[in-house]
Every structure is written in C-alpha cells, then in structure tokens.
Amino acid sequence: MIIIRWLIIALTVFLIGWYMPGFVVESLYTALIVAAIFGVLNAIIRPILMLFTLPVTILTLGLSTFIFSALILWFVASFVQGFSIDGFATAFIAAIIIWLVSFVSNGVLKATK
C-alpha cells in the first residue's frame, strides 16, 4: 500500500512539473526521489512543526499545514538534483495539489481494501 501511494505522489509531482511553470522536475526518477524524501520529511518534521505552532494551526483552521508542506517541498528542492521550485507561491500551489491527489487516492485505496 505504501508503495502505491508513493508512486501516486511521484506521478503527481512529475505531472505538476509538466504543467506548472516554475516547478521543474527533470525526470520520473527525480520525481520518485522527491516523493520519497518529501514523504519522509512530511512524516517526521510536519508533526513537530504543528506541535510548536498549535495556536497558529487552530487560528487558521488547519490551513497552516499547507504552508508547512510547501516549506518542506521547497526545502526538498534545495538539495535534489533535477528538481527546482521558483518561489513559495509555486510550492504552496503544488503542496495543495499533492494534498488533494493524496486525499482522493487514500480514499480510493481504502475503499478497495
């Protein structure tokens, strides 16, 4: 199940790079690496950030989680060869798209279980 989700996110990252200006993914291999690193960092760093910024998360009704995901995605772009993001706005939109695809695919995968 984890491998399927990883592949879906990698394909999403690759397609975002195909369609969104300022979001560059040179190959599907790069997208697989980005999805793996993004997933690990999101699983480790995002809960810590949410704990320290709980009042902000509550005030924004959870919308700050997209900001955290965008920052993590932007951070991944700083050290993965063949992957770049031009600015925070691009990272933010990409994070929302990745979340949306992940949300839908998780629902579909749970329904087929």
C-alpha atoms as a PDB file:
ATOM      1  CA  MET A   1       0.000   0.000   0.000  1.00  0.00           C
ATOM      2  CA  ILE A   2       2.810   2.408   0.837  1.00  0.00           C
ATOM      3  CA  ILE A   3       4.499   1.758  -2.497  1.00  0.00           C
ATOM      4  CA  ILE A   4       1.278   2.523  -4.384  1.00  0.00           C
ATOM      5  CA  ARG A   5       0.854   5.807  -2.504  1.00  0.00           C
ATOM      6  CA  TRP A   6       4.496   6.678  -3.137  1.00  0.00           C
ATOM      7  CA  LEU A   7       4.078   6.015  -6.855  1.00  0.00           C
ATOM      8  CA  ILE A   8       0.909   8.127  -6.986  1.00  0.00           C
ATOM      9  CA  ILE A   9       2.652  11.073  -5.297  1.00  0.00           C
ATOM     10  CA  ALA A  10       5.683  10.662  -7.571  1.00  0.00           C
ATOM     11  CA  LEU A  11       3.445  10.708 -10.631  1.00  0.00           C
ATOM     12  CA  THR A  12       1.660  13.760  -9.237  1.00  0.00           C
ATOM     13  CA  VAL A  13       4.978  15.568  -8.704  1.00  0.00           C
ATOM     14  CA  PHE A  14       6.035  14.643 -12.245  1.00  0.00           C
ATOM     15  CA  LEU A  15       2.761  15.907 -13.745  1.00  0.00           C
ATOM     16  CA  ILE A  16       2.902  19.134 -11.739  1.00  0.00           C
ATOM     17  CA  GLY A  17       6.367  19.670 -13.190  1.00  0.00           C
ATOM     18  CA  TRP A  18       4.934  19.071 -16.645  1.00  0.00           C
ATOM     19  CA  TYR A  19       2.092  21.598 -16.336  1.00  0.00           C
ATOM     20  CA  MET A  20       3.076  24.226 -13.746  1.00  0.00           C
ATOM     21  CA  PRO A  21       5.554  26.935 -14.706  1.00  0.00           C
ATOM     22  CA  GLY A  22       8.263  27.393 -12.106  1.00  0.00           C
ATOM     23  CA  PHE A  23       8.039  23.783 -10.916  1.00  0.00           C
ATOM     24  CA  VAL A  24      10.734  21.786 -12.703  1.00  0.00           C
ATOM     25  CA  VAL A  25      11.092  18.001 -12.477  1.00  0.00           C
ATOM     26  CA  GLU A  26      13.607  16.689 -14.991  1.00  0.00           C
ATOM     27  CA  SER A  27      12.602  13.006 -14.965  1.00  0.00           C
ATOM     28  CA  LEU A  28      10.312  10.429 -13.444  1.00  0.00           C
ATOM     29  CA  TYR A  29      13.300   9.116 -11.490  1.00  0.00           C
ATOM     30  CA  THR A  30      13.721  12.574  -9.940  1.00  0.00           C
ATOM     31  CA  ALA A  31      10.004  12.614  -9.093  1.00  0.00           C
ATOM     32  CA  LEU A  32      10.369   9.245  -7.318  1.00  0.00           C
ATOM     33  CA  ILE A  33      13.232  10.630  -5.228  1.00  0.00           C
ATOM     34  CA  VAL A  34      11.320  13.830  -4.450  1.00  0.00           C
ATOM     35  CA  ALA A  35       8.213  11.874  -3.415  1.00  0.00           C
ATOM     36  CA  ALA A  36      10.242   9.620  -1.115  1.00  0.00           C
ATOM     37  CA  ILE A  37      12.128  12.461   0.590  1.00  0.00           C
ATOM     38  CA  PHE A  38       9.021  14.649   0.788  1.00  0.00           C
ATOM     39  CA  GLY A  39       7.044  11.806   2.347  1.00  0.00           C
ATOM     40  CA  VAL A  40       9.683  11.045   4.964  1.00  0.00           C
ATOM     41  CA  LEU A  41      10.195  14.701   5.878  1.00  0.00           C
ATOM     42  CA  ASN A  42       6.452  15.299   5.966  1.00  0.00           C
ATOM     43  CA  ALA A  43       6.033  12.344   8.322  1.00  0.00           C
ATOM     44  CA  ILE A  44       8.831  13.488  10.641  1.00  0.00           C
ATOM     45  CA  ILE A  45       9.007  17.280  10.536  1.00  0.00           C
ATOM     46  CA  ARG A  46       5.386  18.339   9.986  1.00  0.00           C
ATOM     47  CA  PRO A  47       4.054  16.861  13.274  1.00  0.00           C
ATOM     48  CA  ILE A  48       6.839  18.629  15.179  1.00  0.00           C
ATOM     49  CA  LEU A  49       6.070  21.935  13.455  1.00  0.00           C
ATOM     50  CA  MET A  50       2.368  21.504  14.148  1.00  0.00           C
ATOM     51  CA  LEU A  51       3.045  20.848  17.809  1.00  0.00           C
ATOM     52  CA  PHE A  52       5.131  24.001  18.197  1.00  0.00           C
ATOM     53  CA  THR A  53       2.688  26.127  16.207  1.00  0.00           C
ATOM     54  CA  LEU A  54      -0.548  24.652  17.519  1.00  0.00           C
ATOM     55  CA  PRO A  55      -2.160  28.046  18.272  1.00  0.00           C
ATOM     56  CA  VAL A  56      -1.482  29.212  14.703  1.00  0.00           C
ATOM     57  CA  THR A  57      -2.848  25.941  13.329  1.00  0.00           C
ATOM     58  CA  ILE A  58      -6.018  26.367  15.372  1.00  0.00           C
ATOM     59  CA  LEU A  59      -6.431  30.031  14.369  1.00  0.00           C
ATOM     60  CA  THR A  60      -6.038  29.216  10.673  1.00  0.00           C
ATOM     61  CA  LEU A  61      -8.331  26.191  10.971  1.00  0.00           C
ATOM     62  CA  GLY A  62      -5.544  23.908   9.806  1.00  0.00           C
ATOM     63  CA  LEU A  63      -4.631  25.894   6.696  1.00  0.00           C
ATOM     64  CA  SER A  64      -1.131  26.409   8.046  1.00  0.00           C
ATOM     65  CA  THR A  65      -0.458  22.731   7.310  1.00  0.00           C
ATOM     66  CA  PHE A  66      -0.329  23.670   3.621  1.00  0.00           C
ATOM     67  CA  ILE A  67       2.304  26.265   4.470  1.00  0.00           C
ATOM     68  CA  PHE A  68       4.362  23.625   6.278  1.00  0.00           C
ATOM     69  CA  SER A  69       4.040  21.229   3.347  1.00  0.00           C
ATOM     70  CA  ALA A  70       5.043  23.976   0.916  1.00  0.00           C
ATOM     71  CA  LEU A  71       8.086  24.832   3.020  1.00  0.00           C
ATOM     72  CA  ILE A  72       9.113  21.178   3.184  1.00  0.00           C
ATOM     73  CA  LEU A  73       8.639  20.812  -0.578  1.00  0.00           C
ATOM     74  CA  TRP A  74      10.672  23.965  -1.171  1.00  0.00           C
ATOM     75  CA  PHE A  75      13.366  22.603   1.140  1.00  0.00           C
ATOM     76  CA  VAL A  76      13.492  19.335  -0.811  1.00  0.00           C
ATOM     77  CA  ALA A  77      14.002  21.361  -3.993  1.00  0.00           C
ATOM     78  CA  SER A  78      17.084  22.947  -2.458  1.00  0.00           C
ATOM     79  CA  PHE A  79      19.102  19.716  -2.470  1.00  0.00           C
ATOM     80  CA  VAL A  80      17.599  17.286  -5.008  1.00  0.00           C
ATOM     81  CA  GLN A  81      19.329  17.485  -8.392  1.00  0.00           C
ATOM     82  CA  GLY A  82      16.912  17.989 -11.284  1.00  0.00           C
ATOM     83  CA  PHE A  83      14.150  19.453  -9.112  1.00  0.00           C
ATOM     84  CA  SER A  84      13.562  23.161  -8.603  1.00  0.00           C
ATOM     85  CA  ILE A  85      10.796  25.474  -7.496  1.00  0.00           C
ATOM     86  CA  ASP A  86      10.900  29.165  -8.429  1.00  0.00           C
ATOM     87  CA  GLY A  87       9.115  30.581  -5.396  1.00  0.00           C
ATOM     88  CA  PHE A  88       6.989  29.967  -2.352  1.00  0.00           C
ATOM     89  CA  ALA A  89       3.715  30.566  -4.208  1.00  0.00           C
ATOM     90  CA  THR A  90       4.571  27.777  -6.649  1.00  0.00           C
ATOM     91  CA  ALA A  91       5.494  25.469  -3.763  1.00  0.00           C
ATOM     92  CA  PHE A  92       2.231  26.361  -1.991  1.00  0.00           C
ATOM     93  CA  ILE A  93       0.056  25.576  -5.018  1.00  0.00           C
ATOM     94  CA  ALA A  94       1.976  22.338  -5.616  1.00  0.00           C
ATOM     95  CA  ALA A  95       1.522  21.339  -1.956  1.00  0.00           C
ATOM     96  CA  ILE A  96      -2.236  21.855  -2.265  1.00  0.00           C
ATOM     97  CA  ILE A  97      -2.359  19.766  -5.453  1.00  0.00           C
ATOM     98  CA  ILE A  98      -0.289  16.992  -3.845  1.00  0.00           C
ATOM     99  CA  TRP A  99      -2.563  17.025  -0.789  1.00  0.00           C
ATOM    100  CA  LEU A 100      -5.680  16.858  -2.958  1.00  0.00           C
ATOM    101  CA  VAL A 101      -4.394  13.923  -5.020  1.00  0.00           C
ATOM    102  CA  SER A 102      -3.206  12.179  -1.863  1.00  0.00           C
ATOM    103  CA  PHE A 103      -6.570  12.711  -0.169  1.00  0.00           C
ATOM    104  CA  VAL A 104      -8.508  11.286  -3.115  1.00  0.00           C
ATOM    105  CA  SER A 105      -6.141   8.375  -3.687  1.00  0.00           C
ATOM    106  CA  ASN A 106      -6.146   7.443   0.003  1.00  0.00           C
ATOM    107  CA  GLY A 107      -9.946   7.358  -0.088  1.00  0.00           C
ATOM    108  CA  VAL A 108      -9.963   5.186  -3.201  1.00  0.00           C
ATOM    109  CA  LEU A 109      -7.302   2.839  -1.810  1.00  0.00           C
ATOM    110  CA  LYS A 110      -9.198   2.438   1.470  1.00  0.00           C
ATOM    111  CA  ALA A 111     -12.433   1.739  -0.405  1.00  0.00           C
ATOM    112  CA  THR A 112     -10.806  -1.022  -2.464  1.00  0.00           C
ATOM    113  CA  LYS A 113      -9.225  -2.656   0.574  1.00  0.00           C
END
